[in-house]
Amino acid sequence: MITGAASGIGRASALRFAAEGANLVLGDLEEPDGETLKTGCFVRTDVSRRQGNERMIDECVKRGGFTAM
């Protein structure tokens, strides 16, 4: 799970982890560029709130490819 994935360190981390083959759940208030979107399941959400994090995980599980632990 990478928050702030639309830009800066979050975006760089998403691209790097994806290059290494990681399955990623990405969250941010801003929409990322197309290259970042290809790296994992993206949910536009406010991750500073617990509800935002829970929604991000639930949405990615619903879309498939991820399992809730």
PDB file of N, CA and C in Angstrom:
ATOM      1  N   MET A   1       0.853  -1.158   0.000  1.00  0.00           N
ATOM      2  CA  MET A   1       0.000   0.000   0.000  1.00  0.00           C
ATOM      3  C   MET A   1       0.902   1.224   0.000  1.00  0.00           C
ATOM      4  N   ILE A   2       0.658   2.110  -0.956  1.00  0.00           N
ATOM      5  CA  ILE A   2       1.422   3.351  -1.035  1.00  0.00           C
ATOM      6  C   ILE A   2       0.443   4.514  -1.074  1.00  0.00           C
ATOM      7  N   THR A   3       0.594   5.413  -0.127  1.00  0.00           N
ATOM      8  CA  THR A   3      -0.243   6.607  -0.102  1.00  0.00           C
ATOM      9  C   THR A   3       0.546   7.766  -0.706  1.00  0.00           C
ATOM     10  N   GLY A   4      -0.172   8.765  -1.178  1.00  0.00           N
ATOM     11  CA  GLY A   4       0.493   9.886  -1.843  1.00  0.00           C
ATOM     12  C   GLY A   4       1.098   9.456  -3.163  1.00  0.00           C
ATOM     13  N   ALA A   5       0.449   8.495  -3.835  1.00  0.00           N
ATOM     14  CA  ALA A   5       1.017   7.863  -5.023  1.00  0.00           C
ATOM     15  C   ALA A   5       0.939   8.707  -6.287  1.00  0.00           C
ATOM     16  N   ALA A   6       0.263   9.843  -6.254  1.00  0.00           N
ATOM     17  CA  ALA A   6       0.099  10.648  -7.463  1.00  0.00           C
ATOM     18  C   ALA A   6       1.341  11.459  -7.803  1.00  0.00           C
ATOM     19  N   SER A   7       2.184  11.740  -6.815  1.00  0.00           N
ATOM     20  CA  SER A   7       3.344  12.588  -7.106  1.00  0.00           C
ATOM     21  C   SER A   7       4.453  12.368  -6.087  1.00  0.00           C
ATOM     22  N   GLY A   8       5.581  12.961  -6.353  1.00  0.00           N
ATOM     23  CA  GLY A   8       6.704  12.965  -5.423  1.00  0.00           C
ATOM     24  C   GLY A   8       7.217  11.593  -5.041  1.00  0.00           C
ATOM     25  N   ILE A   9       7.532  11.446  -3.757  1.00  0.00           N
ATOM     26  CA  ILE A   9       8.104  10.194  -3.249  1.00  0.00           C
ATOM     27  C   ILE A   9       7.129   9.033  -3.416  1.00  0.00           C
ATOM     28  N   GLY A  10       5.824   9.287  -3.205  1.00  0.00           N
ATOM     29  CA  GLY A  10       4.830   8.223  -3.373  1.00  0.00           C
ATOM     30  C   GLY A  10       4.807   7.679  -4.786  1.00  0.00           C
ATOM     31  N   ARG A  11       4.839   8.577  -5.771  1.00  0.00           N
ATOM     32  CA  ARG A  11       4.855   8.165  -7.181  1.00  0.00           C
ATOM     33  C   ARG A  11       6.129   7.393  -7.490  1.00  0.00           C
ATOM     34  N   ALA A  12       7.273   7.918  -7.065  1.00  0.00           N
ATOM     35  CA  ALA A  12       8.548   7.248  -7.313  1.00  0.00           C
ATOM     36  C   ALA A  12       8.568   5.863  -6.669  1.00  0.00           C
ATOM     37  N   SER A  13       8.020   5.758  -5.464  1.00  0.00           N
ATOM     38  CA  SER A  13       7.963   4.461  -4.784  1.00  0.00           C
ATOM     39  C   SER A  13       7.080   3.482  -5.540  1.00  0.00           C
ATOM     40  N   ALA A  14       5.919   3.957  -5.995  1.00  0.00           N
ATOM     41  CA  ALA A  14       5.007   3.087  -6.749  1.00  0.00           C
ATOM     42  C   ALA A  14       5.679   2.550  -8.002  1.00  0.00           C
ATOM     43  N   LEU A  15       6.349   3.425  -8.731  1.00  0.00           N
ATOM     44  CA  LEU A  15       7.016   2.992  -9.963  1.00  0.00           C
ATOM     45  C   LEU A  15       8.136   2.000  -9.670  1.00  0.00           C
ATOM     46  N   ARG A  16       8.882   2.233  -8.618  1.00  0.00           N
ATOM     47  CA  ARG A  16      10.000   1.344  -8.270  1.00  0.00           C
ATOM     48  C   ARG A  16       9.513  -0.024  -7.803  1.00  0.00           C
ATOM     49  N   PHE A  17       8.533  -0.036  -6.904  1.00  0.00           N
ATOM     50  CA  PHE A  17       7.996  -1.315  -6.427  1.00  0.00           C
ATOM     51  C   PHE A  17       7.348  -2.093  -7.575  1.00  0.00           C
ATOM     52  N   ALA A  18       6.650  -1.399  -8.457  1.00  0.00           N
ATOM     53  CA  ALA A  18       6.033  -2.059  -9.612  1.00  0.00           C
ATOM     54  C   ALA A  18       7.099  -2.670 -10.515  1.00  0.00           C
ATOM     55  N   ALA A  19       8.201  -1.968 -10.696  1.00  0.00           N
ATOM     56  CA  ALA A  19       9.295  -2.488 -11.522  1.00  0.00           C
ATOM     57  C   ALA A  19       9.874  -3.770 -10.936  1.00  0.00           C
ATOM     58  N   GLU A  20       9.753  -3.918  -9.619  1.00  0.00           N
ATOM     59  CA  GLU A  20      10.237  -5.125  -8.942  1.00  0.00           C
ATOM     60  C   GLU A  20       9.180  -6.221  -8.863  1.00  0.00           C
ATOM     61  N   GLY A  21       7.975  -5.942  -9.415  1.00  0.00           N
ATOM     62  CA  GLY A  21       6.927  -6.958  -9.479  1.00  0.00           C
ATOM     63  C   GLY A  21       5.918  -6.941  -8.344  1.00  0.00           C
ATOM     64  N   ALA A  22       5.902  -5.889  -7.549  1.00  0.00           N
ATOM     65  CA  ALA A  22       4.974  -5.825  -6.415  1.00  0.00           C
ATOM     66  C   ALA A  22       3.537  -5.609  -6.868  1.00  0.00           C
ATOM     67  N   ASN A  23       2.590  -6.175  -6.132  1.00  0.00           N
ATOM     68  CA  ASN A  23       1.156  -5.931  -6.294  1.00  0.00           C
ATOM     69  C   ASN A  23       0.833  -4.731  -5.413  1.00  0.00           C
ATOM     70  N   LEU A  24       0.387  -3.631  -5.989  1.00  0.00           N
ATOM     71  CA  LEU A  24       0.252  -2.395  -5.224  1.00  0.00           C
ATOM     72  C   LEU A  24      -1.178  -1.906  -5.085  1.00  0.00           C
ATOM     73  N   VAL A  25      -1.459  -1.355  -3.920  1.00  0.00           N
ATOM     74  CA  VAL A  25      -2.683  -0.620  -3.644  1.00  0.00           C
ATOM     75  C   VAL A  25      -2.238   0.822  -3.466  1.00  0.00           C
ATOM     76  N   LEU A  26      -2.764   1.729  -4.300  1.00  0.00           N
ATOM     77  CA  LEU A  26      -2.333   3.124  -4.304  1.00  0.00           C
ATOM     78  C   LEU A  26      -3.468   4.039  -3.889  1.00  0.00           C
ATOM     79  N   GLY A  27      -3.141   5.064  -3.128  1.00  0.00           N
ATOM     80  CA  GLY A  27      -4.155   6.018  -2.718  1.00  0.00           C
ATOM     81  C   GLY A  27      -3.623   7.435  -2.725  1.00  0.00           C
ATOM     82  N   ASP A  28      -4.494   8.384  -3.074  1.00  0.00           N
ATOM     83  CA  ASP A  28      -4.144   9.801  -3.073  1.00  0.00           C
ATOM     84  C   ASP A  28      -5.411  10.605  -3.297  1.00  0.00           C
ATOM     85  N   LEU A  29      -5.358  11.879  -2.954  1.00  0.00           N
ATOM     86  CA  LEU A  29      -6.469  12.781  -3.258  1.00  0.00           C
ATOM     87  C   LEU A  29      -6.438  13.221  -4.715  1.00  0.00           C
ATOM     88  N   GLU A  30      -5.254  13.221  -5.305  1.00  0.00           N
ATOM     89  CA  GLU A  30      -5.076  13.633  -6.703  1.00  0.00           C
ATOM     90  C   GLU A  30      -5.014  12.403  -7.597  1.00  0.00           C
ATOM     91  N   GLU A  31      -5.402  12.576  -8.845  1.00  0.00           N
ATOM     92  CA  GLU A  31      -5.295  11.492  -9.822  1.00  0.00           C
ATOM     93  C   GLU A  31      -3.850  11.390 -10.303  1.00  0.00           C
ATOM     94  N   PRO A  32      -3.263  10.197 -10.312  1.00  0.00           N
ATOM     95  CA  PRO A  32      -1.900  10.037 -10.826  1.00  0.00           C
ATOM     96  C   PRO A  32      -1.879  10.027 -12.349  1.00  0.00           C
ATOM     97  N   ASP A  33      -0.691  10.144 -12.920  1.00  0.00           N
ATOM     98  CA  ASP A  33      -0.553  10.064 -14.369  1.00  0.00           C
ATOM     99  C   ASP A  33      -0.740   8.617 -14.829  1.00  0.00           C
ATOM    100  N   GLY A  34      -0.832   8.433 -16.125  1.00  0.00           N
ATOM    101  CA  GLY A  34      -1.091   7.111 -16.690  1.00  0.00           C
ATOM    102  C   GLY A  34      -0.051   6.078 -16.324  1.00  0.00           C
ATOM    103  N   GLU A  35       1.216   6.484 -16.282  1.00  0.00           N
ATOM    104  CA  GLU A  35       2.285   5.540 -15.958  1.00  0.00           C
ATOM    105  C   GLU A  35       2.107   4.987 -14.547  1.00  0.00           C
ATOM    106  N   THR A  36       1.763   5.839 -13.611  1.00  0.00           N
ATOM    107  CA  THR A  36       1.569   5.401 -12.228  1.00  0.00           C
ATOM    108  C   THR A  36       0.321   4.545 -12.101  1.00  0.00           C
ATOM    109  N   LEU A  37      -0.734   4.891 -12.836  1.00  0.00           N
ATOM    110  CA  LEU A  37      -1.979   4.110 -12.778  1.00  0.00           C
ATOM    111  C   LEU A  37      -1.765   2.664 -13.175  1.00  0.00           C
ATOM    112  N   LYS A  38      -0.815   2.400 -14.067  1.00  0.00           N
ATOM    113  CA  LYS A  38      -0.548   1.041 -14.522  1.00  0.00           C
ATOM    114  C   LYS A  38       0.093   0.171 -13.446  1.00  0.00           C
ATOM    115  N   THR A  39       0.578   0.773 -12.365  1.00  0.00           N
ATOM    116  CA  THR A  39       1.347   0.021 -11.368  1.00  0.00           C
ATOM    117  C   THR A  39       0.498  -0.715 -10.356  1.00  0.00           C
ATOM    118  N   GLY A  40      -0.784  -0.387 -10.231  1.00  0.00           N
ATOM    119  CA  GLY A  40      -1.604  -1.073  -9.238  1.00  0.00           C
ATOM    120  C   GLY A  40      -3.007  -0.536  -9.177  1.00  0.00           C
ATOM    121  N   CYS A  41      -3.722  -0.971  -8.178  1.00  0.00           N
ATOM    122  CA  CYS A  41      -5.098  -0.557  -7.957  1.00  0.00           C
ATOM    123  C   CYS A  41      -5.089   0.823  -7.311  1.00  0.00           C
ATOM    124  N   PHE A  42      -5.653   1.826  -7.981  1.00  0.00           N
ATOM    125  CA  PHE A  42      -5.669   3.188  -7.452  1.00  0.00           C
ATOM    126  C   PHE A  42      -7.066   3.565  -6.996  1.00  0.00           C
ATOM    127  N   VAL A  43      -7.138   4.174  -5.808  1.00  0.00           N
ATOM    128  CA  VAL A  43      -8.393   4.691  -5.276  1.00  0.00           C
ATOM    129  C   VAL A  43      -8.158   6.132  -4.851  1.00  0.00           C
ATOM    130  N   ARG A  44      -8.990   7.024  -5.362  1.00  0.00           N
ATOM    131  CA  ARG A  44      -8.893   8.427  -4.947  1.00  0.00           C
ATOM    132  C   ARG A  44      -9.569   8.542  -3.588  1.00  0.00           C
ATOM    133  N   THR A  45      -8.780   8.874  -2.560  1.00  0.00           N
ATOM    134  CA  THR A  45      -9.294   8.907  -1.195  1.00  0.00           C
ATOM    135  C   THR A  45      -8.412   9.761  -0.300  1.00  0.00           C
ATOM    136  N   ASP A  46      -8.948  10.156   0.820  1.00  0.00           N
ATOM    137  CA  ASP A  46      -8.209  10.898   1.834  1.00  0.00           C
ATOM    138  C   ASP A  46      -7.651   9.900   2.841  1.00  0.00           C
ATOM    139  N   VAL A  47      -6.380   9.579   2.718  1.00  0.00           N
ATOM    140  CA  VAL A  47      -5.786   8.556   3.573  1.00  0.00           C
ATOM    141  C   VAL A  47      -5.414   9.083   4.955  1.00  0.00           C
ATOM    142  N   SER A  48      -5.679  10.362   5.207  1.00  0.00           N
ATOM    143  CA  SER A  48      -5.446  10.880   6.561  1.00  0.00           C
ATOM    144  C   SER A  48      -6.583  10.477   7.497  1.00  0.00           C
ATOM    145  N   ARG A  49      -7.619   9.870   6.933  1.00  0.00           N
ATOM    146  CA  ARG A  49      -8.760   9.399   7.722  1.00  0.00           C
ATOM    147  C   ARG A  49      -8.863   7.875   7.629  1.00  0.00           C
ATOM    148  N   ARG A  50      -9.168   7.263   8.751  1.00  0.00           N
ATOM    149  CA  ARG A  50      -9.282   5.801   8.790  1.00  0.00           C
ATOM    150  C   ARG A  50     -10.261   5.293   7.728  1.00  0.00           C
ATOM    151  N   GLN A  51     -11.393   5.971   7.574  1.00  0.00           N
ATOM    152  CA  GLN A  51     -12.397   5.550   6.583  1.00  0.00           C
ATOM    153  C   GLN A  51     -11.808   5.539   5.173  1.00  0.00           C
ATOM    154  N   GLY A  52     -10.943   6.490   4.877  1.00  0.00           N
ATOM    155  CA  GLY A  52     -10.313   6.543   3.565  1.00  0.00           C
ATOM    156  C   GLY A  52      -9.431   5.338   3.306  1.00  0.00           C
ATOM    157  N   ASN A  53      -8.670   4.933   4.322  1.00  0.00           N
ATOM    158  CA  ASN A  53      -7.816   3.752   4.186  1.00  0.00           C
ATOM    159  C   ASN A  53      -8.643   2.484   4.045  1.00  0.00           C
ATOM    160  N   GLU A  54      -9.685   2.363   4.847  1.00  0.00           N
ATOM    161  CA  GLU A  54     -10.536   1.180   4.757  1.00  0.00           C
ATOM    162  C   GLU A  54     -11.218   1.104   3.397  1.00  0.00           C
ATOM    163  N   ARG A  55     -11.684   2.244   2.880  1.00  0.00           N
ATOM    164  CA  ARG A  55     -12.327   2.267   1.566  1.00  0.00           C
ATOM    165  C   ARG A  55     -11.341   1.872   0.470  1.00  0.00           C
ATOM    166  N   MET A  56     -10.103   2.331   0.594  1.00  0.00           N
ATOM    167  CA  MET A  56      -9.082   2.015  -0.399  1.00  0.00           C
ATOM    168  C   MET A  56      -8.850   0.502  -0.454  1.00  0.00           C
ATOM    169  N   ILE A  57      -8.721  -0.124   0.693  1.00  0.00           N
ATOM    170  CA  ILE A  57      -8.506  -1.567   0.745  1.00  0.00           C
ATOM    171  C   ILE A  57      -9.736  -2.316   0.240  1.00  0.00           C
ATOM    172  N   ASP A  58     -10.912  -1.935   0.714  1.00  0.00           N
ATOM    173  CA  ASP A  58     -12.147  -2.603   0.288  1.00  0.00           C
ATOM    174  C   ASP A  58     -12.341  -2.514  -1.217  1.00  0.00           C
ATOM    175  N   GLU A  59     -12.076  -1.354  -1.790  1.00  0.00           N
ATOM    176  CA  GLU A  59     -12.264  -1.160  -3.231  1.00  0.00           C
ATOM    177  C   GLU A  59     -11.314  -2.043  -4.039  1.00  0.00           C
ATOM    178  N   CYS A  60     -10.080  -2.152  -3.598  1.00  0.00           N
ATOM    179  CA  CYS A  60      -9.116  -2.980  -4.325  1.00  0.00           C
ATOM    180  C   CYS A  60      -9.434  -4.465  -4.200  1.00  0.00           C
ATOM    181  N   VAL A  61      -9.920  -4.889  -3.035  1.00  0.00           N
ATOM    182  CA  VAL A  61     -10.340  -6.286  -2.869  1.00  0.00           C
ATOM    183  C   VAL A  61     -11.521  -6.572  -3.785  1.00  0.00           C
ATOM    184  N   LYS A  62     -12.459  -5.629  -3.843  1.00  0.00           N
ATOM    185  CA  LYS A  62     -13.643  -5.802  -4.690  1.00  0.00           C
ATOM    186  C   LYS A  62     -13.270  -5.905  -6.171  1.00  0.00           C
ATOM    187  N   ARG A  63     -12.284  -5.134  -6.603  1.00  0.00           N
ATOM    188  CA  ARG A  63     -11.876  -5.139  -8.011  1.00  0.00           C
ATOM    189  C   ARG A  63     -11.138  -6.417  -8.379  1.00  0.00           C
ATOM    190  N   GLY A  64     -10.612  -7.124  -7.388  1.00  0.00           N
ATOM    191  CA  GLY A  64      -9.939  -8.399  -7.651  1.00  0.00           C
ATOM    192  C   GLY A  64      -8.432  -8.276  -7.619  1.00  0.00           C
ATOM    193  N   GLY A  65      -7.783  -9.394  -7.403  1.00  0.00           N
ATOM    194  CA  GLY A  65      -6.338  -9.436  -7.399  1.00  0.00           C
ATOM    195  C   GLY A  65      -5.705  -9.179  -6.046  1.00  0.00           C
ATOM    196  N   PHE A  66      -6.507  -8.814  -5.058  1.00  0.00           N
ATOM    197  CA  PHE A  66      -5.986  -8.540  -3.730  1.00  0.00           C
ATOM    198  C   PHE A  66      -6.831  -9.294  -2.714  1.00  0.00           C
ATOM    199  N   THR A  67      -6.225  -9.685  -1.618  1.00  0.00           N
ATOM    200  CA  THR A  67      -6.923 -10.388  -0.564  1.00  0.00           C
ATOM    201  C   THR A  67      -6.825  -9.608   0.732  1.00  0.00           C
ATOM    202  N   ALA A  68      -7.937  -9.434   1.405  1.00  0.00           N
ATOM    203  CA  ALA A  68      -7.917  -8.761   2.708  1.00  0.00           C
ATOM    204  C   ALA A  68      -7.318  -9.696   3.739  1.00  0.00           C
ATOM    205  N   MET A  69      -6.474  -9.176   4.612  1.00  0.00           N
ATOM    206  CA  MET A  69      -5.859 -10.008   5.661  1.00  0.00           C
ATOM    207  C   MET A  69      -6.423  -9.608   6.994  1.00  0.00           C
TER     208      MET A  69
END
